[in-house]
Amino acid sequence: MTPRVSINSEQITLDDVWQHYETLRGIIVREAEEARRHLADGTPPRNPRLLGMDLDEMNAHFDGALEEVDAQASLFLLAATEATVRVDFLERVYERRRDPVSRIFRDVYKSRCDHNKVMVRLEEDILDIWGEQLPDSMSHVSSLKGALKYRHWLAHGRYWVPKLGQRYDPSGLVQIVTGFFGEIGVANQ
């Protein structure tokens, strides 16, 4: 018997990640503004880590914090994207949809199951099929695959110098992902 993956109903969505991201960025920006006011007034900042910092050091500290929040949001946006793509794949297989992509997905699913494990590869087994079956989506597939290289770099601790071809940020990633989802007709509730 072919194994089935139990789908979690509490998946994180792009909107969930974006709302959290905006909240964290707002907190950091407000803390930076408050710290700069304290520095200008000559009063000690509330955050003891900022004691003794000059304006340049303080700016570098908050710029670093904002960059880290961007990286974390990017990682979670791409993780939510992968979950959505994989759930769509599984639903097409389990519901035995009759469109050409779903038929190919069923064949992939059967061939990639081994000893009660489903080992479907995101890029080769899902994204490449979308690109082949919907040639107009190929630019979206390529953009998403490039963004996944950024996700791999983030997820593996950033220990190498990435060769990504472009800089990624959360708003650009949302555009890439929503463009891909729109092209293939998938929603990330």
N, C-alpha and C. Protein backbone atom coordinates (compact mmCIF):
# COMPACT_ATOMS: atom_id res chain seq x y z
N MET A 1 0.84 -1.19 0.00
CA MET A 1 0.00 0.00 0.00
C MET A 1 0.89 1.25 0.00
N THR A 2 0.49 2.23 -0.77
CA THR A 2 1.24 3.48 -0.86
C THR A 2 0.99 4.30 0.41
N PRO A 3 2.06 4.80 1.05
CA PRO A 3 1.86 5.58 2.27
C PRO A 3 1.20 6.93 2.00
N ARG A 4 0.55 7.44 3.01
CA ARG A 4 -0.08 8.77 2.91
C ARG A 4 0.54 9.68 3.95
N VAL A 5 0.70 10.92 3.56
CA VAL A 5 1.22 11.93 4.47
C VAL A 5 0.03 12.56 5.19
N SER A 6 0.12 12.69 6.51
CA SER A 6 -0.92 13.37 7.27
C SER A 6 -0.67 14.88 7.17
N ILE A 7 -1.64 15.58 6.65
CA ILE A 7 -1.49 17.03 6.44
C ILE A 7 -1.95 17.77 7.67
N ASN A 8 -1.08 18.64 8.16
CA ASN A 8 -1.36 19.45 9.34
C ASN A 8 -2.29 20.60 8.96
N SER A 9 -3.35 20.78 9.70
CA SER A 9 -4.30 21.86 9.39
C SER A 9 -3.82 23.21 9.91
N GLU A 10 -2.73 23.24 10.64
CA GLU A 10 -2.23 24.49 11.22
C GLU A 10 -1.01 25.01 10.47
N GLN A 11 -1.04 24.90 9.16
CA GLN A 11 0.08 25.39 8.36
C GLN A 11 0.21 26.90 8.50
N ILE A 12 1.45 27.34 8.44
CA ILE A 12 1.70 28.77 8.47
C ILE A 12 1.45 29.32 7.05
N THR A 13 0.87 30.49 6.97
CA THR A 13 0.57 31.09 5.68
C THR A 13 1.50 32.28 5.43
N LEU A 14 1.53 32.72 4.19
CA LEU A 14 2.32 33.91 3.86
C LEU A 14 1.84 35.11 4.66
N ASP A 15 0.53 35.22 4.81
CA ASP A 15 -0.04 36.34 5.56
C ASP A 15 0.38 36.28 7.03
N ASP A 16 0.39 35.10 7.62
CA ASP A 16 0.85 34.95 9.01
C ASP A 16 2.28 35.47 9.16
N VAL A 17 3.14 35.02 8.26
CA VAL A 17 4.55 35.42 8.32
C VAL A 17 4.68 36.92 8.11
N TRP A 18 3.95 37.45 7.15
CA TRP A 18 4.05 38.88 6.84
C TRP A 18 3.59 39.74 8.03
N GLN A 19 2.51 39.37 8.67
CA GLN A 19 2.03 40.13 9.82
C GLN A 19 3.05 40.12 10.96
N HIS A 20 3.63 38.97 11.23
CA HIS A 20 4.66 38.85 12.26
C HIS A 20 5.88 39.69 11.89
N TYR A 21 6.28 39.64 10.66
CA TYR A 21 7.42 40.41 10.15
C TYR A 21 7.19 41.91 10.34
N GLU A 22 6.03 42.39 9.93
CA GLU A 22 5.73 43.82 10.09
C GLU A 22 5.73 44.23 11.56
N THR A 23 5.22 43.38 12.42
CA THR A 23 5.21 43.67 13.86
C THR A 23 6.63 43.81 14.38
N LEU A 24 7.48 42.84 14.07
CA LEU A 24 8.87 42.90 14.56
C LEU A 24 9.63 44.09 14.00
N ARG A 25 9.46 44.37 12.72
CA ARG A 25 10.14 45.54 12.14
C ARG A 25 9.68 46.82 12.82
N GLY A 26 8.39 46.93 13.08
CA GLY A 26 7.86 48.12 13.75
C GLY A 26 8.44 48.28 15.14
N ILE A 27 8.58 47.20 15.88
CA ILE A 27 9.15 47.26 17.23
C ILE A 27 10.60 47.73 17.16
N ILE A 28 11.37 47.20 16.23
CA ILE A 28 12.78 47.59 16.11
C ILE A 28 12.91 49.05 15.71
N VAL A 29 12.10 49.49 14.77
CA VAL A 29 12.15 50.89 14.32
C VAL A 29 11.79 51.83 15.47
N ARG A 30 10.76 51.49 16.23
CA ARG A 30 10.38 52.33 17.37
C ARG A 30 11.47 52.36 18.44
N GLU A 31 12.08 51.20 18.71
CA GLU A 31 13.16 51.17 19.70
C GLU A 31 14.35 51.99 19.22
N ALA A 32 14.65 51.94 17.94
CA ALA A 32 15.76 52.73 17.39
C ALA A 32 15.48 54.22 17.52
N GLU A 33 14.26 54.63 17.21
CA GLU A 33 13.90 56.04 17.32
C GLU A 33 14.01 56.51 18.76
N GLU A 34 13.52 55.68 19.68
CA GLU A 34 13.59 56.04 21.10
C GLU A 34 15.04 56.13 21.57
N ALA A 35 15.86 55.19 21.14
CA ALA A 35 17.28 55.20 21.55
C ALA A 35 18.00 56.42 21.00
N ARG A 36 17.68 56.81 19.79
CA ARG A 36 18.31 58.01 19.20
C ARG A 36 17.86 59.27 19.94
N ARG A 37 16.60 59.31 20.37
CA ARG A 37 16.13 60.46 21.15
C ARG A 37 16.89 60.55 22.47
N HIS A 38 17.05 59.40 23.14
CA HIS A 38 17.81 59.39 24.40
C HIS A 38 19.24 59.86 24.17
N LEU A 39 19.84 59.42 23.09
CA LEU A 39 21.21 59.82 22.79
C LEU A 39 21.29 61.32 22.55
N ALA A 40 20.32 61.87 21.82
CA ALA A 40 20.30 63.31 21.54
C ALA A 40 20.04 64.12 22.81
N ASP A 41 19.21 63.58 23.71
CA ASP A 41 18.88 64.27 24.97
C ASP A 41 19.98 64.11 26.02
N GLY A 42 20.87 63.17 25.80
CA GLY A 42 21.90 62.90 26.80
C GLY A 42 21.42 62.05 27.96
N THR A 43 20.27 61.40 27.80
CA THR A 43 19.75 60.52 28.85
C THR A 43 20.07 59.07 28.49
N PRO A 44 20.22 58.22 29.50
CA PRO A 44 20.56 56.82 29.19
C PRO A 44 19.39 56.10 28.51
N PRO A 45 19.70 55.23 27.56
CA PRO A 45 18.63 54.46 26.90
C PRO A 45 18.06 53.42 27.85
N ARG A 46 16.83 53.01 27.58
CA ARG A 46 16.21 51.98 28.42
C ARG A 46 16.89 50.63 28.25
N ASN A 47 17.38 50.35 27.05
CA ASN A 47 18.02 49.08 26.77
C ASN A 47 19.49 49.15 27.21
N PRO A 48 19.89 48.37 28.21
CA PRO A 48 21.26 48.45 28.71
C PRO A 48 22.32 48.06 27.68
N ARG A 49 21.96 47.29 26.67
CA ARG A 49 22.94 46.94 25.63
C ARG A 49 23.38 48.16 24.83
N LEU A 50 22.60 49.21 24.86
CA LEU A 50 22.91 50.40 24.07
C LEU A 50 23.76 51.42 24.84
N LEU A 51 23.97 51.18 26.13
CA LEU A 51 24.77 52.10 26.95
C LEU A 51 26.17 52.24 26.37
N GLY A 52 26.62 53.46 26.22
CA GLY A 52 27.96 53.73 25.74
C GLY A 52 28.10 53.74 24.23
N MET A 53 27.04 53.44 23.51
CA MET A 53 27.13 53.45 22.04
C MET A 53 26.99 54.86 21.52
N ASP A 54 27.78 55.17 20.48
CA ASP A 54 27.57 56.45 19.80
C ASP A 54 26.53 56.21 18.69
N LEU A 55 26.20 57.26 17.95
CA LEU A 55 25.14 57.17 16.95
C LEU A 55 25.47 56.13 15.87
N ASP A 56 26.72 56.09 15.40
CA ASP A 56 27.09 55.12 14.37
C ASP A 56 26.95 53.68 14.87
N GLU A 57 27.39 53.44 16.08
CA GLU A 57 27.28 52.10 16.65
C GLU A 57 25.82 51.70 16.84
N MET A 58 25.02 52.67 17.28
CA MET A 58 23.60 52.41 17.48
C MET A 58 22.91 52.12 16.15
N ASN A 59 23.24 52.91 15.13
CA ASN A 59 22.66 52.66 13.80
C ASN A 59 23.06 51.29 13.28
N ALA A 60 24.31 50.91 13.45
CA ALA A 60 24.78 49.60 13.00
C ALA A 60 24.03 48.49 13.75
N HIS A 61 23.82 48.70 15.05
CA HIS A 61 23.09 47.70 15.85
C HIS A 61 21.68 47.49 15.31
N PHE A 62 20.96 48.57 15.09
CA PHE A 62 19.58 48.45 14.62
C PHE A 62 19.49 48.01 13.16
N ASP A 63 20.45 48.42 12.33
CA ASP A 63 20.48 47.93 10.95
C ASP A 63 20.68 46.42 10.93
N GLY A 64 21.56 45.92 11.79
CA GLY A 64 21.78 44.48 11.90
C GLY A 64 20.54 43.75 12.36
N ALA A 65 19.83 44.34 13.32
CA ALA A 65 18.60 43.72 13.81
C ALA A 65 17.54 43.65 12.70
N LEU A 66 17.43 44.72 11.91
CA LEU A 66 16.47 44.72 10.81
C LEU A 66 16.86 43.71 9.73
N GLU A 67 18.15 43.59 9.45
CA GLU A 67 18.60 42.60 8.47
C GLU A 67 18.28 41.18 8.94
N GLU A 68 18.45 40.94 10.24
CA GLU A 68 18.17 39.61 10.78
C GLU A 68 16.67 39.29 10.71
N VAL A 69 15.84 40.28 11.00
CA VAL A 69 14.39 40.07 10.89
C VAL A 69 14.01 39.80 9.44
N ASP A 70 14.65 40.50 8.51
CA ASP A 70 14.39 40.23 7.08
C ASP A 70 14.76 38.80 6.73
N ALA A 71 15.93 38.35 7.20
CA ALA A 71 16.38 36.99 6.90
C ALA A 71 15.43 35.95 7.49
N GLN A 72 15.01 36.16 8.72
CA GLN A 72 14.10 35.21 9.36
C GLN A 72 12.76 35.17 8.65
N ALA A 73 12.24 36.34 8.29
CA ALA A 73 10.96 36.38 7.57
C ALA A 73 11.10 35.70 6.21
N SER A 74 12.22 35.90 5.55
CA SER A 74 12.44 35.26 4.25
C SER A 74 12.44 33.75 4.39
N LEU A 75 13.12 33.26 5.41
CA LEU A 75 13.15 31.81 5.65
C LEU A 75 11.75 31.26 5.88
N PHE A 76 10.97 31.94 6.70
CA PHE A 76 9.62 31.46 7.00
C PHE A 76 8.67 31.62 5.81
N LEU A 77 8.84 32.68 5.02
CA LEU A 77 8.01 32.84 3.83
C LEU A 77 8.25 31.68 2.86
N LEU A 78 9.51 31.33 2.69
CA LEU A 78 9.82 30.23 1.77
C LEU A 78 9.42 28.88 2.34
N ALA A 79 9.49 28.73 3.66
CA ALA A 79 9.02 27.49 4.28
C ALA A 79 7.50 27.35 4.10
N ALA A 80 6.78 28.46 4.28
CA ALA A 80 5.33 28.43 4.08
C ALA A 80 5.00 28.14 2.62
N THR A 81 5.81 28.65 1.72
CA THR A 81 5.62 28.39 0.30
C THR A 81 5.79 26.91 0.00
N GLU A 82 6.87 26.32 0.54
CA GLU A 82 7.09 24.90 0.31
C GLU A 82 5.92 24.08 0.84
N ALA A 83 5.44 24.42 2.02
CA ALA A 83 4.31 23.68 2.60
C ALA A 83 3.09 23.77 1.69
N THR A 84 2.81 24.94 1.18
CA THR A 84 1.65 25.12 0.31
C THR A 84 1.79 24.31 -0.97
N VAL A 85 2.98 24.33 -1.56
CA VAL A 85 3.22 23.59 -2.80
C VAL A 85 3.10 22.09 -2.56
N ARG A 86 3.65 21.63 -1.44
CA ARG A 86 3.59 20.19 -1.14
C ARG A 86 2.16 19.74 -0.81
N VAL A 87 1.41 20.57 -0.09
CA VAL A 87 0.02 20.22 0.21
C VAL A 87 -0.80 20.17 -1.08
N ASP A 88 -0.58 21.13 -1.97
CA ASP A 88 -1.28 21.11 -3.25
C ASP A 88 -0.95 19.82 -4.00
N PHE A 89 0.33 19.45 -4.01
CA PHE A 89 0.76 18.21 -4.65
C PHE A 89 0.00 17.02 -4.06
N LEU A 90 0.00 16.91 -2.75
CA LEU A 90 -0.65 15.77 -2.08
C LEU A 90 -2.16 15.76 -2.32
N GLU A 91 -2.78 16.91 -2.27
CA GLU A 91 -4.23 16.97 -2.52
C GLU A 91 -4.56 16.51 -3.93
N ARG A 92 -3.74 16.91 -4.89
CA ARG A 92 -3.96 16.48 -6.27
C ARG A 92 -3.85 14.96 -6.39
N VAL A 93 -2.87 14.40 -5.66
CA VAL A 93 -2.67 12.95 -5.70
C VAL A 93 -3.81 12.24 -4.98
N TYR A 94 -4.10 12.64 -3.75
CA TYR A 94 -5.09 11.93 -2.93
C TYR A 94 -6.50 12.07 -3.48
N GLU A 95 -6.82 13.23 -4.06
CA GLU A 95 -8.16 13.44 -4.61
C GLU A 95 -8.30 12.90 -6.03
N ARG A 96 -7.21 12.38 -6.56
CA ARG A 96 -7.19 11.79 -7.89
C ARG A 96 -7.78 12.74 -8.94
N ARG A 97 -7.31 13.98 -8.89
CA ARG A 97 -7.78 14.96 -9.87
C ARG A 97 -7.37 14.50 -11.27
N ARG A 98 -8.13 14.94 -12.25
CA ARG A 98 -7.97 14.41 -13.61
C ARG A 98 -7.17 15.31 -14.55
N ASP A 99 -6.73 16.47 -14.11
CA ASP A 99 -5.95 17.35 -14.99
C ASP A 99 -4.58 16.73 -15.25
N PRO A 100 -3.90 17.14 -16.33
CA PRO A 100 -2.61 16.53 -16.69
C PRO A 100 -1.54 16.63 -15.59
N VAL A 101 -1.47 17.75 -14.90
CA VAL A 101 -0.46 17.91 -13.84
C VAL A 101 -0.72 16.91 -12.72
N SER A 102 -1.97 16.77 -12.32
CA SER A 102 -2.31 15.84 -11.25
C SER A 102 -1.99 14.40 -11.63
N ARG A 103 -2.22 14.05 -12.88
CA ARG A 103 -1.91 12.69 -13.33
C ARG A 103 -0.40 12.42 -13.24
N ILE A 104 0.38 13.40 -13.66
CA ILE A 104 1.84 13.25 -13.58
C ILE A 104 2.27 13.19 -12.12
N PHE A 105 1.66 14.02 -11.27
CA PHE A 105 1.98 14.00 -9.85
C PHE A 105 1.70 12.63 -9.24
N ARG A 106 0.60 11.99 -9.64
CA ARG A 106 0.30 10.66 -9.11
C ARG A 106 1.39 9.66 -9.50
N ASP A 107 1.85 9.74 -10.73
CA ASP A 107 2.93 8.85 -11.16
C ASP A 107 4.21 9.11 -10.37
N VAL A 108 4.52 10.38 -10.16
CA VAL A 108 5.71 10.74 -9.37
C VAL A 108 5.56 10.21 -7.96
N TYR A 109 4.40 10.41 -7.39
CA TYR A 109 4.15 9.98 -6.02
C TYR A 109 4.37 8.47 -5.88
N LYS A 110 3.81 7.72 -6.79
CA LYS A 110 3.96 6.26 -6.73
C LYS A 110 5.42 5.85 -6.88
N SER A 111 6.13 6.52 -7.76
CA SER A 111 7.53 6.14 -8.01
C SER A 111 8.47 6.59 -6.89
N ARG A 112 8.08 7.59 -6.11
CA ARG A 112 8.96 8.14 -5.07
C ARG A 112 8.64 7.61 -3.68
N CYS A 113 7.67 6.71 -3.58
CA CYS A 113 7.34 6.11 -2.28
C CYS A 113 8.17 4.85 -2.08
N ASP A 114 8.73 4.74 -0.88
CA ASP A 114 9.58 3.59 -0.59
C ASP A 114 9.48 3.24 0.89
N HIS A 115 9.05 2.04 1.19
CA HIS A 115 8.99 1.55 2.58
C HIS A 115 8.30 2.55 3.51
N ASN A 116 7.09 2.89 3.19
CA ASN A 116 6.27 3.78 4.01
C ASN A 116 6.81 5.20 4.11
N LYS A 117 7.65 5.61 3.18
CA LYS A 117 8.14 6.99 3.16
C LYS A 117 7.81 7.60 1.80
N VAL A 118 7.41 8.85 1.84
CA VAL A 118 7.18 9.58 0.61
C VAL A 118 8.36 10.54 0.47
N MET A 119 9.13 10.39 -0.61
CA MET A 119 10.33 11.19 -0.79
C MET A 119 10.24 12.00 -2.08
N VAL A 120 9.25 12.85 -2.15
CA VAL A 120 9.04 13.68 -3.32
C VAL A 120 9.91 14.92 -3.18
N ARG A 121 10.69 15.19 -4.21
CA ARG A 121 11.60 16.34 -4.21
C ARG A 121 10.85 17.58 -4.70
N LEU A 122 11.02 18.66 -3.98
CA LEU A 122 10.30 19.89 -4.29
C LEU A 122 10.64 20.40 -5.69
N GLU A 123 11.90 20.58 -5.96
CA GLU A 123 12.28 21.21 -7.22
C GLU A 123 12.11 20.27 -8.41
N GLU A 124 12.71 19.09 -8.33
CA GLU A 124 12.69 18.18 -9.47
C GLU A 124 11.33 17.52 -9.70
N ASP A 125 10.66 17.13 -8.64
CA ASP A 125 9.43 16.36 -8.78
C ASP A 125 8.16 17.22 -8.81
N ILE A 126 8.24 18.44 -8.35
CA ILE A 126 7.02 19.28 -8.34
C ILE A 126 7.21 20.52 -9.21
N LEU A 127 8.19 21.35 -8.88
CA LEU A 127 8.34 22.62 -9.60
C LEU A 127 8.68 22.42 -11.07
N ASP A 128 9.59 21.49 -11.36
CA ASP A 128 9.94 21.26 -12.76
C ASP A 128 8.74 20.78 -13.57
N ILE A 129 7.88 20.00 -12.95
CA ILE A 129 6.68 19.54 -13.66
C ILE A 129 5.76 20.71 -13.96
N TRP A 130 5.61 21.61 -13.01
CA TRP A 130 4.79 22.80 -13.28
C TRP A 130 5.38 23.57 -14.46
N GLY A 131 6.69 23.73 -14.47
CA GLY A 131 7.32 24.46 -15.57
C GLY A 131 7.14 23.77 -16.91
N GLU A 132 7.21 22.44 -16.92
CA GLU A 132 7.03 21.69 -18.17
C GLU A 132 5.58 21.71 -18.64
N GLN A 133 4.65 21.58 -17.73
CA GLN A 133 3.24 21.48 -18.09
C GLN A 133 2.59 22.83 -18.37
N LEU A 134 3.09 23.86 -17.74
CA LEU A 134 2.60 25.23 -17.98
C LEU A 134 3.79 26.09 -18.40
N PRO A 135 4.16 26.05 -19.66
CA PRO A 135 5.35 26.78 -20.10
C PRO A 135 5.34 28.28 -19.76
N ASP A 136 4.15 28.87 -19.68
CA ASP A 136 4.07 30.28 -19.31
C ASP A 136 4.50 30.52 -17.87
N SER A 137 4.50 29.46 -17.06
CA SER A 137 4.88 29.61 -15.65
C SER A 137 6.38 29.44 -15.43
N MET A 138 7.13 29.12 -16.49
CA MET A 138 8.55 28.79 -16.34
C MET A 138 9.35 29.92 -15.69
N SER A 139 9.05 31.17 -16.01
CA SER A 139 9.80 32.27 -15.37
C SER A 139 9.50 32.33 -13.88
N HIS A 140 8.26 32.04 -13.50
CA HIS A 140 7.90 32.01 -12.08
C HIS A 140 8.58 30.84 -11.37
N VAL A 141 8.62 29.70 -12.04
CA VAL A 141 9.28 28.52 -11.47
C VAL A 141 10.76 28.82 -11.28
N SER A 142 11.40 29.41 -12.28
CA SER A 142 12.83 29.74 -12.18
C SER A 142 13.10 30.73 -11.05
N SER A 143 12.25 31.73 -10.93
CA SER A 143 12.42 32.71 -9.85
C SER A 143 12.29 32.05 -8.48
N LEU A 144 11.31 31.16 -8.35
CA LEU A 144 11.11 30.47 -7.08
C LEU A 144 12.28 29.55 -6.78
N LYS A 145 12.78 28.84 -7.78
CA LYS A 145 13.93 27.96 -7.56
C LYS A 145 15.16 28.77 -7.14
N GLY A 146 15.34 29.95 -7.70
CA GLY A 146 16.44 30.82 -7.27
C GLY A 146 16.26 31.24 -5.82
N ALA A 147 15.04 31.57 -5.44
CA ALA A 147 14.76 31.96 -4.06
C ALA A 147 14.99 30.80 -3.10
N LEU A 148 14.73 29.58 -3.57
CA LEU A 148 14.96 28.41 -2.71
C LEU A 148 16.45 28.22 -2.41
N LYS A 149 17.33 28.65 -3.31
CA LYS A 149 18.77 28.61 -3.01
C LYS A 149 19.08 29.53 -1.84
N TYR A 150 18.42 30.68 -1.82
CA TYR A 150 18.57 31.60 -0.68
C TYR A 150 18.06 30.95 0.60
N ARG A 151 16.92 30.25 0.51
CA ARG A 151 16.37 29.56 1.67
C ARG A 151 17.32 28.49 2.18
N HIS A 152 17.94 27.74 1.26
CA HIS A 152 18.90 26.71 1.67
C HIS A 152 20.07 27.34 2.42
N TRP A 153 20.53 28.46 1.91
CA TRP A 153 21.65 29.17 2.55
C TRP A 153 21.26 29.61 3.96
N LEU A 154 20.08 30.19 4.11
CA LEU A 154 19.60 30.62 5.43
C LEU A 154 19.42 29.42 6.36
N ALA A 155 18.79 28.38 5.87
CA ALA A 155 18.45 27.23 6.71
C ALA A 155 19.68 26.46 7.17
N HIS A 156 20.76 26.56 6.43
CA HIS A 156 21.97 25.81 6.78
C HIS A 156 23.00 26.67 7.50
N GLY A 157 22.54 27.78 8.06
CA GLY A 157 23.40 28.56 8.94
C GLY A 157 24.30 29.58 8.26
N ARG A 158 24.13 29.79 6.96
CA ARG A 158 24.86 30.83 6.25
C ARG A 158 26.37 30.67 6.33
N TYR A 159 26.86 29.46 6.32
CA TYR A 159 28.30 29.26 6.52
C TYR A 159 29.13 29.42 5.25
N TRP A 160 28.49 29.52 4.09
CA TRP A 160 29.25 29.74 2.86
C TRP A 160 28.81 31.06 2.24
N VAL A 161 29.63 31.54 1.30
CA VAL A 161 29.28 32.76 0.58
C VAL A 161 28.35 32.35 -0.56
N PRO A 162 27.11 32.81 -0.52
CA PRO A 162 26.15 32.37 -1.54
C PRO A 162 26.38 33.05 -2.89
N LYS A 163 26.08 32.33 -3.94
CA LYS A 163 26.11 32.88 -5.30
C LYS A 163 24.68 32.83 -5.81
N LEU A 164 23.94 33.86 -5.48
CA LEU A 164 22.50 33.85 -5.72
C LEU A 164 22.09 34.58 -6.99
N GLY A 165 22.88 35.50 -7.46
CA GLY A 165 22.51 36.24 -8.65
C GLY A 165 21.64 37.46 -8.37
N GLN A 166 21.09 37.55 -7.19
CA GLN A 166 20.29 38.71 -6.80
C GLN A 166 20.12 38.72 -5.28
N ARG A 167 19.75 39.88 -4.77
CA ARG A 167 19.46 39.99 -3.33
C ARG A 167 17.97 39.70 -3.13
N TYR A 168 17.69 39.01 -2.04
CA TYR A 168 16.30 38.69 -1.72
C TYR A 168 15.90 39.42 -0.44
N ASP A 169 14.68 39.88 -0.42
CA ASP A 169 14.10 40.47 0.79
C ASP A 169 12.65 39.99 0.87
N PRO A 170 12.03 40.14 2.03
CA PRO A 170 10.67 39.60 2.19
C PRO A 170 9.66 40.11 1.16
N SER A 171 9.68 41.40 0.86
CA SER A 171 8.67 41.90 -0.09
C SER A 171 8.91 41.35 -1.49
N GLY A 172 10.16 41.22 -1.91
CA GLY A 172 10.46 40.62 -3.21
C GLY A 172 10.08 39.15 -3.25
N LEU A 173 10.30 38.45 -2.14
CA LEU A 173 9.92 37.04 -2.08
C LEU A 173 8.40 36.87 -2.16
N VAL A 174 7.67 37.73 -1.50
CA VAL A 174 6.20 37.66 -1.59
C VAL A 174 5.76 37.83 -3.04
N GLN A 175 6.40 38.73 -3.77
CA GLN A 175 6.05 38.91 -5.18
C GLN A 175 6.36 37.66 -6.00
N ILE A 176 7.52 37.06 -5.75
CA ILE A 176 7.88 35.84 -6.47
C ILE A 176 6.87 34.74 -6.18
N VAL A 177 6.57 34.55 -4.91
CA VAL A 177 5.69 33.45 -4.50
C VAL A 177 4.26 33.67 -4.98
N THR A 178 3.74 34.87 -4.79
CA THR A 178 2.36 35.12 -5.23
C THR A 178 2.25 35.04 -6.75
N GLY A 179 3.30 35.44 -7.47
CA GLY A 179 3.30 35.28 -8.93
C GLY A 179 3.23 33.82 -9.32
N PHE A 180 4.02 32.99 -8.64
CA PHE A 180 4.00 31.54 -8.91
C PHE A 180 2.64 30.95 -8.55
N PHE A 181 2.13 31.28 -7.37
CA PHE A 181 0.83 30.74 -6.95
C PHE A 181 -0.26 31.16 -7.92
N GLY A 182 -0.24 32.41 -8.37
CA GLY A 182 -1.24 32.87 -9.33
C GLY A 182 -1.15 32.12 -10.63
N GLU A 183 0.06 31.84 -11.06
CA GLU A 183 0.26 31.13 -12.34
C GLU A 183 -0.29 29.70 -12.29
N ILE A 184 -0.12 29.04 -11.16
CA ILE A 184 -0.57 27.63 -11.07
C ILE A 184 -1.94 27.50 -10.43
N GLY A 185 -2.51 28.61 -9.99
CA GLY A 185 -3.88 28.58 -9.44
C GLY A 185 -3.96 28.01 -8.04
N VAL A 186 -2.99 28.33 -7.19
CA VAL A 186 -2.97 27.85 -5.82
C VAL A 186 -3.04 29.04 -4.88
N ALA A 187 -3.81 28.91 -3.82
CA ALA A 187 -3.90 29.98 -2.81
C ALA A 187 -3.22 29.53 -1.54
N ASN A 188 -2.60 30.47 -0.85
CA ASN A 188 -1.99 30.20 0.46
C ASN A 188 -2.84 30.95 1.47
N GLN A 189 -3.89 30.29 1.97
CA GLN A 189 -4.88 30.95 2.82
C GLN A 189 -4.23 31.57 4.03
